[in-house]
Amino acid sequence: MTVDLGSVQDLVEDVRTSLASDTATLLLLDETGDVLEPAASAGLGRRWRGAPHVRVGSGFAGRVAELRQPVFVNEVNEVSVLNPILREVGVQRLLGVPVFDRDRLLGVLHVGSFDTRSFTDGEAERLAAAAAEIGRRL
């Protein structure tokens, strides 16, 4: 898959802004379809480039990919989130949705909050709409 990372980075920043979240990150499946790799992020500085790859089914992003539906995390810790960068920067809450191209899973888009605000179902719908737009552009 050929990805214009500049335009994807802009889309991820737009997601962060539109949902008034502190972070937004896009992970894409590798060629095996078993591992999510960081592709773009906003709100984490350059640290996101060193984020670990996540197996489908493991941790927060892996659960989103496996379940293929929105996942809310109301307590970020070593069990719920494998990525130490999210914990180190102080993310407290997460919401993630799958990214599709038609019916094919491409990856996961998630947003995070540094405070204890809870993400809503309406925000999950808006994030899913953004993920659908990203899926169409990939």
Protein backbone atom coordinates (compact mmCIF):
# COMPACT_ATOMS: atom_id res chain seq x y z
CA MET A 1 0.00 0.00 0.00
CA THR A 2 1.40 3.40 -0.98
CA VAL A 3 0.62 6.05 1.63
CA ASP A 4 1.17 9.79 1.36
CA LEU A 5 2.34 10.26 4.94
CA GLY A 6 2.17 14.05 4.70
CA SER A 7 -1.55 14.08 3.93
CA VAL A 8 -2.20 11.32 6.48
CA GLN A 9 -0.33 13.32 9.13
CA ASP A 10 -2.53 16.33 8.32
CA LEU A 11 -5.67 14.21 8.62
CA VAL A 12 -4.56 12.86 12.00
CA GLU A 13 -3.90 16.40 13.24
CA ASP A 14 -7.38 17.40 12.01
CA VAL A 15 -8.87 14.49 13.98
CA ARG A 16 -7.09 15.62 17.15
CA THR A 17 -8.36 19.17 16.70
CA SER A 18 -11.93 18.31 15.75
CA LEU A 19 -12.37 15.96 18.72
CA ALA A 20 -10.58 18.35 21.10
CA SER A 21 -8.35 15.47 22.16
CA ASP A 22 -4.76 15.72 23.33
CA THR A 23 -3.46 12.97 21.04
CA ALA A 24 -4.46 11.21 17.84
CA THR A 25 -2.61 8.28 16.29
CA LEU A 26 -3.01 6.15 13.19
CA LEU A 27 -1.60 2.62 13.11
CA LEU A 28 -1.66 0.59 9.90
CA LEU A 29 -1.49 -3.16 9.41
CA ASP A 30 1.78 -4.45 8.04
CA GLU A 31 1.92 -6.66 4.96
CA THR A 32 1.20 -9.79 7.04
CA GLY A 33 -2.04 -8.29 8.38
CA ASP A 34 -1.05 -9.38 11.90
CA VAL A 35 0.84 -6.36 13.23
CA LEU A 36 -0.10 -2.70 13.61
CA GLU A 37 2.66 -0.17 12.92
CA PRO A 38 2.56 3.55 13.79
CA ALA A 39 1.96 5.64 10.65
CA ALA A 40 1.09 9.14 11.93
CA SER A 41 0.46 10.88 15.22
CA ALA A 42 -0.40 14.28 16.66
CA GLY A 43 0.16 15.43 20.21
CA LEU A 44 3.03 13.09 21.05
CA GLY A 45 5.86 15.01 19.42
CA ARG A 46 8.40 12.84 17.65
CA ARG A 47 8.27 10.12 20.28
CA TRP A 48 5.52 8.25 18.43
CA ARG A 49 8.00 7.14 15.77
CA GLY A 50 9.56 4.82 18.35
CA ALA A 51 6.24 3.31 19.40
CA PRO A 52 6.18 -0.47 19.53
CA HIS A 53 4.42 -2.48 16.88
CA VAL A 54 1.30 -4.16 18.23
CA ARG A 55 -0.07 -7.58 17.36
CA VAL A 56 -3.73 -7.76 16.43
CA GLY A 57 -5.52 -8.90 19.60
CA SER A 58 -2.91 -7.47 22.01
CA GLY A 59 -3.27 -4.29 24.03
CA PHE A 60 -5.63 -1.46 23.23
CA ALA A 61 -5.01 -0.95 19.50
CA GLY A 62 -4.79 -4.69 18.93
CA ARG A 63 -8.21 -5.16 20.56
CA VAL A 64 -9.72 -2.47 18.32
CA ALA A 65 -8.35 -4.29 15.27
CA GLU A 66 -9.50 -7.69 16.50
CA LEU A 67 -13.01 -6.58 17.52
CA ARG A 68 -13.42 -4.25 14.53
CA GLN A 69 -15.48 -1.87 16.61
CA PRO A 70 -14.89 1.17 18.86
CA VAL A 71 -13.05 0.52 22.12
CA PHE A 72 -13.04 2.90 25.08
CA VAL A 73 -10.30 2.74 27.73
CA ASN A 74 -11.09 4.58 30.95
CA GLU A 75 -7.92 3.56 32.77
CA VAL A 76 -4.61 3.59 30.93
CA ASN A 77 -2.12 1.18 32.53
CA GLU A 78 0.34 -1.56 31.54
CA VAL A 79 -2.46 -4.09 31.11
CA SER A 80 -4.85 -1.97 29.03
CA VAL A 81 -2.24 -0.20 26.85
CA LEU A 82 0.99 -1.82 25.62
CA ASN A 83 2.53 1.39 24.26
CA PRO A 84 4.68 2.87 27.08
CA ILE A 85 4.82 6.23 25.31
CA LEU A 86 1.11 6.82 25.88
CA ARG A 87 1.52 6.08 29.58
CA GLU A 88 4.72 8.16 29.89
CA VAL A 89 3.15 11.30 28.38
CA GLY A 90 0.17 10.99 30.73
CA VAL A 91 -2.69 9.77 28.54
CA GLN A 92 -5.55 8.86 30.88
CA ARG A 93 -8.39 7.94 28.50
CA LEU A 94 -8.46 6.46 24.98
CA LEU A 95 -10.97 5.87 22.24
CA GLY A 96 -10.07 3.82 19.19
CA VAL A 97 -11.85 2.74 16.02
CA PRO A 98 -10.91 0.47 13.13
CA VAL A 99 -9.94 1.93 9.76
CA PHE A 100 -11.39 0.13 6.74
CA ASP A 101 -11.21 0.25 2.98
CA ARG A 102 -14.65 -1.13 2.22
CA ASP A 103 -14.63 -4.35 4.28
CA ARG A 104 -10.84 -4.75 4.48
CA LEU A 105 -9.24 -3.73 7.79
CA LEU A 106 -6.37 -1.29 7.23
CA GLY A 107 -5.56 -0.25 10.78
CA VAL A 108 -6.66 1.66 13.86
CA LEU A 109 -7.24 5.34 14.58
CA HIS A 110 -7.28 6.44 18.21
CA VAL A 111 -7.49 9.59 20.29
CA GLY A 112 -6.37 10.19 23.85
CA SER A 113 -6.95 12.61 26.68
CA PHE A 114 -4.50 13.75 29.35
CA ASP A 115 -7.34 14.31 31.81
CA THR A 116 -10.11 12.03 33.04
CA ARG A 117 -12.75 13.18 30.59
CA SER A 118 -14.73 10.28 29.20
CA PHE A 119 -15.17 9.97 25.46
CA THR A 120 -18.80 9.70 24.33
CA ASP A 121 -20.64 7.52 21.83
CA GLY A 122 -21.06 10.64 19.70
CA GLU A 123 -17.30 11.14 19.66
CA ALA A 124 -16.90 7.48 18.70
CA GLU A 125 -19.21 8.09 15.74
CA ARG A 126 -17.21 11.17 14.70
CA LEU A 127 -13.94 9.27 15.04
CA ALA A 128 -15.37 6.40 12.94
CA ALA A 129 -16.37 8.92 10.25
CA ALA A 130 -12.81 10.31 10.25
CA ALA A 131 -11.42 6.75 10.07
CA ALA A 132 -13.67 6.06 7.07
CA GLU A 133 -12.31 9.15 5.32
CA ILE A 134 -8.74 8.09 6.04
CA GLY A 135 -9.56 4.57 4.76
CA ARG A 136 -10.82 6.03 1.48
CA ARG A 137 -7.59 8.02 1.05
CA LEU A 138 -5.16 5.19 1.76
